[in-house]
């Protein structure tokens, strides 16, 4: 009987070791699974596309402009002739490749300020755009009245034919009159030189 005691103790020790190893394996598996889930969530966030070295999108100095009037929105402004137009009630968009101009009109209780735009319209821009990076929010005096100007960059939508995407430079001008807010946005590939044309467009907006 004495010779059986050591054998029993060794067997009991092996069993305990096996049980502990199984517990460690389960913990490792759970940790790996949680880490994998976190990495998946982080990698799904869209990142900014590098700007083009020789960006397309310059509006020619010889570009002709025509007057566009929207009676539903109660405004008019100049737009480049020949750009494709999409109109929906008070809103309108003009597109030419990666260049664009659009107006969105909505009801508003009060005139916007730099502070209110940072708290509201900027969030709207960020939620509707791709990888938006805001660079400046300021105030400007334009013929249609005081405007809050938001400057930022964003990723374009994919080209419907080539699926190419580029980094864009965007400017949104926010106007207000009689309980109505108009957001005029112009954009082009980052690095394109459209300062004169964009100034012309923003200064051409008038309330009807």
Protein backbone atom coordinates (compact mmCIF):
# COMPACT_ATOMS: atom_id res chain seq x y z
CA UNK A 1 0.00 0.00 0.00
CA UNK A 2 2.87 2.45 0.79
CA UNK A 3 4.23 2.21 -2.76
CA UNK A 4 0.94 3.54 -4.21
CA UNK A 5 0.99 6.88 -2.35
CA UNK A 6 3.66 8.63 -4.54
CA UNK A 7 1.87 7.55 -7.69
CA UNK A 8 -1.38 9.11 -6.48
CA UNK A 9 0.29 12.42 -5.68
CA UNK A 10 2.00 12.65 -9.08
CA UNK A 11 -1.26 11.91 -10.86
CA UNK A 12 -3.06 14.61 -8.88
CA UNK A 13 -0.36 17.18 -9.73
CA UNK A 14 -0.55 16.46 -13.46
CA UNK A 15 -4.31 16.88 -13.42
CA UNK A 16 -4.02 20.31 -11.76
CA UNK A 17 -1.42 21.42 -14.30
CA UNK A 18 -3.62 20.37 -17.21
CA UNK A 19 -6.58 22.29 -15.77
CA UNK A 20 -4.51 25.47 -15.34
CA UNK A 21 -3.21 25.25 -18.93
CA UNK A 22 -6.75 25.02 -20.26
CA UNK A 23 -7.76 28.17 -18.38
CA UNK A 24 -4.77 30.11 -19.77
CA UNK A 25 -5.61 29.06 -23.33
CA UNK A 26 -9.19 30.30 -22.97
CA UNK A 27 -8.02 33.70 -21.68
CA UNK A 28 -5.56 34.09 -24.58
CA UNK A 29 -8.25 33.31 -27.13
CA UNK A 30 -10.61 35.94 -25.67
CA UNK A 31 -7.89 38.61 -25.66
CA UNK A 32 -6.96 37.90 -29.29
CA UNK A 33 -10.59 38.12 -30.37
CA UNK A 34 -11.10 41.50 -28.65
CA UNK A 35 -7.91 42.88 -30.20
CA UNK A 36 -8.99 41.77 -33.67
CA UNK A 37 -12.36 43.53 -33.28
CA UNK A 38 -10.68 46.80 -32.27
CA UNK A 39 -8.28 46.74 -35.23
CA UNK A 40 -11.17 46.19 -37.65
CA UNK A 41 -13.04 49.23 -36.35
CA UNK A 42 -9.99 51.50 -36.61
CA UNK A 43 -9.06 50.43 -40.15
CA UNK A 44 -12.56 51.26 -41.46
CA UNK A 45 -12.07 55.05 -40.90
CA UNK A 46 -11.53 56.90 -44.22
CA UNK A 47 -8.19 58.70 -44.54
CA UNK A 48 -7.34 61.78 -46.65
CA UNK A 49 -6.09 61.12 -50.20
CA UNK A 50 -2.74 62.80 -51.03
CA UNK A 51 -3.06 65.92 -53.19
CA UNK A 52 -2.18 65.60 -56.89
CA UNK A 53 1.31 66.77 -57.91
CA UNK A 54 -0.08 68.43 -61.06
CA UNK A 55 -3.76 68.79 -60.18
CA UNK A 56 -6.40 69.14 -62.89
CA UNK A 57 -9.38 71.40 -62.34
CA UNK A 58 -8.25 74.94 -63.16
CA UNK A 59 -11.24 76.87 -64.51
CA UNK A 60 -9.90 78.63 -67.64
CA UNK A 61 -9.63 82.41 -67.53
CA UNK A 62 -11.65 82.38 -70.76
CA UNK A 63 -14.52 80.43 -69.15
CA UNK A 64 -17.89 82.02 -69.91
CA UNK A 65 -20.38 82.48 -67.05
CA UNK A 66 -24.17 82.65 -67.24
CA UNK A 67 -26.77 83.82 -64.74
CA UNK A 68 -28.78 81.11 -62.98
CA UNK A 69 -32.01 81.93 -61.10
CA UNK A 70 -33.83 79.68 -58.62
CA UNK A 71 -37.26 81.02 -57.71
CA UNK A 72 -37.95 78.22 -55.20
CA UNK A 73 -34.87 79.17 -53.22
CA UNK A 74 -35.22 82.88 -53.87
CA UNK A 75 -31.69 83.50 -55.16
CA UNK A 76 -29.60 83.93 -58.29
CA UNK A 77 -25.88 83.65 -59.07
CA UNK A 78 -23.40 83.12 -61.89
CA UNK A 79 -22.32 79.63 -62.97
CA UNK A 80 -19.79 78.38 -65.52
CA UNK A 81 -21.48 77.82 -68.88
CA UNK A 82 -21.65 74.18 -70.01
CA UNK A 83 -21.43 72.52 -66.58
CA UNK A 84 -23.90 69.68 -65.93
CA UNK A 85 -26.80 70.83 -63.76
CA UNK A 86 -28.85 68.85 -61.22
CA UNK A 87 -31.77 70.75 -59.71
CA UNK A 88 -34.04 69.71 -56.84
CA UNK A 89 -36.39 72.41 -55.62
CA UNK A 90 -34.37 75.17 -53.94
CA UNK A 91 -31.11 73.21 -54.26
CA UNK A 92 -28.88 73.00 -57.32
CA UNK A 93 -25.53 71.45 -58.27
CA UNK A 94 -23.24 72.16 -61.24
CA UNK A 95 -20.48 69.65 -62.04
CA UNK A 96 -17.57 69.53 -64.47
CA UNK A 97 -15.29 66.53 -63.84
CA UNK A 98 -13.84 67.13 -60.33
CA UNK A 99 -14.93 70.79 -60.20
CA UNK A 100 -18.28 71.78 -58.77
CA UNK A 101 -20.61 74.46 -57.45
CA UNK A 102 -23.78 73.91 -55.43
CA UNK A 103 -26.35 75.77 -53.36
CA UNK A 104 -28.39 74.31 -50.50
CA UNK A 105 -31.21 76.36 -48.95
CA UNK A 106 -32.88 75.69 -45.58
CA UNK A 107 -34.96 77.53 -43.00
CA UNK A 108 -33.01 79.15 -40.14
CA UNK A 109 -34.18 81.05 -37.07
CA UNK A 110 -31.19 83.35 -36.77
CA UNK A 111 -28.24 84.56 -38.82
CA UNK A 112 -25.14 82.36 -38.50
CA UNK A 113 -22.00 83.42 -36.66
CA UNK A 114 -18.51 81.95 -36.60
CA UNK A 115 -19.34 80.28 -33.26
CA UNK A 116 -22.70 78.85 -34.39
CA UNK A 117 -21.25 77.59 -37.68
CA UNK A 118 -18.45 75.78 -35.86
CA UNK A 119 -21.08 74.12 -33.65
CA UNK A 120 -23.62 73.27 -36.36
CA UNK A 121 -22.84 73.69 -40.07
CA UNK A 122 -19.26 72.42 -39.70
CA UNK A 123 -20.59 69.18 -38.21
CA UNK A 124 -22.99 68.90 -41.13
CA UNK A 125 -20.14 69.37 -43.62
CA UNK A 126 -18.03 66.77 -41.84
CA UNK A 127 -20.85 64.20 -41.73
CA UNK A 128 -21.76 64.61 -45.41
CA UNK A 129 -18.21 64.75 -46.82
CA UNK A 130 -15.33 62.27 -47.03
CA UNK A 131 -12.31 62.66 -44.71
CA UNK A 132 -13.08 66.36 -44.19
CA UNK A 133 -10.36 68.55 -42.65
CA UNK A 134 -11.51 72.05 -41.63
CA UNK A 135 -8.81 74.71 -42.00
CA UNK A 136 -10.64 78.00 -41.31
CA UNK A 137 -13.99 79.52 -40.34
CA UNK A 138 -14.24 83.28 -40.76
CA UNK A 139 -16.58 86.16 -41.59
CA UNK A 140 -16.72 88.08 -44.90
CA UNK A 141 -18.73 90.98 -46.32
CA UNK A 142 -20.16 90.13 -49.77
CA UNK A 143 -22.74 91.86 -52.00
CA UNK A 144 -25.49 89.55 -50.69
CA UNK A 145 -24.59 90.51 -47.12
CA UNK A 146 -22.44 89.09 -44.35
CA UNK A 147 -21.34 85.51 -44.94
CA UNK A 148 -19.58 82.93 -42.81
CA UNK A 149 -16.83 81.27 -44.88
CA UNK A 150 -15.72 77.69 -44.16
CA UNK A 151 -12.52 76.45 -45.84
CA UNK A 152 -11.63 72.77 -45.82
CA UNK A 153 -10.31 69.80 -47.80
CA UNK A 154 -12.05 66.49 -48.51
CA UNK A 155 -11.90 63.35 -50.62
CA UNK A 156 -13.95 63.40 -53.82
CA UNK A 157 -16.60 60.88 -54.79
CA UNK A 158 -15.24 58.19 -57.15
CA UNK A 159 -15.25 59.08 -60.83
CA UNK A 160 -18.18 57.06 -62.30
CA UNK A 161 -16.03 55.82 -65.20
CA UNK A 162 -12.49 55.43 -63.83
CA UNK A 163 -13.39 55.17 -60.08
CA UNK A 164 -10.50 57.62 -59.48
CA UNK A 165 -10.71 59.80 -56.37
CA UNK A 166 -8.76 62.98 -55.63
CA UNK A 167 -8.22 65.32 -52.71
CA UNK A 168 -10.41 68.41 -53.03
CA UNK A 169 -10.17 71.98 -51.83
CA UNK A 170 -13.61 73.28 -50.77
CA UNK A 171 -15.08 76.60 -49.68
CA UNK A 172 -18.62 77.01 -48.29
CA UNK A 173 -20.19 80.48 -48.02
CA UNK A 174 -23.16 80.67 -45.63
CA UNK A 175 -25.65 83.51 -46.28
CA UNK A 176 -28.81 84.47 -44.35
CA UNK A 177 -31.89 86.56 -45.04
CA UNK A 178 -35.43 86.63 -43.65
CA UNK A 179 -35.31 83.25 -41.94
CA UNK A 180 -33.57 81.52 -44.84
CA UNK A 181 -29.99 80.21 -45.04
CA UNK A 182 -28.14 79.51 -48.29
CA UNK A 183 -24.96 77.45 -48.30
CA UNK A 184 -22.96 78.07 -51.48
CA UNK A 185 -20.11 75.56 -51.92
CA UNK A 186 -17.40 75.49 -54.58
CA UNK A 187 -14.71 72.84 -54.95
CA UNK A 188 -11.82 71.68 -57.16
CA UNK A 189 -8.81 69.35 -56.90
CA UNK A 190 -6.45 70.61 -54.20
CA UNK A 191 -3.77 72.83 -55.70
CA UNK A 192 -5.89 74.08 -58.62
CA UNK A 193 -5.91 77.87 -59.04
CA UNK A 194 -9.53 79.03 -59.06
CA UNK A 195 -9.38 81.95 -56.62
CA UNK A 196 -10.60 84.56 -59.14
CA UNK A 197 -13.43 82.37 -60.42
CA UNK A 198 -14.58 81.45 -56.91
CA UNK A 199 -14.57 85.11 -55.89
CA UNK A 200 -16.70 85.90 -58.92
CA UNK A 201 -19.20 83.16 -58.04
CA UNK A 202 -19.49 84.10 -54.34
CA UNK A 203 -19.87 87.80 -55.16
CA UNK A 204 -22.54 87.10 -57.77
CA UNK A 205 -25.08 85.58 -55.37
CA UNK A 206 -28.15 87.77 -54.82
CA UNK A 207 -31.39 87.23 -52.92
CA UNK A 208 -34.53 87.69 -55.00
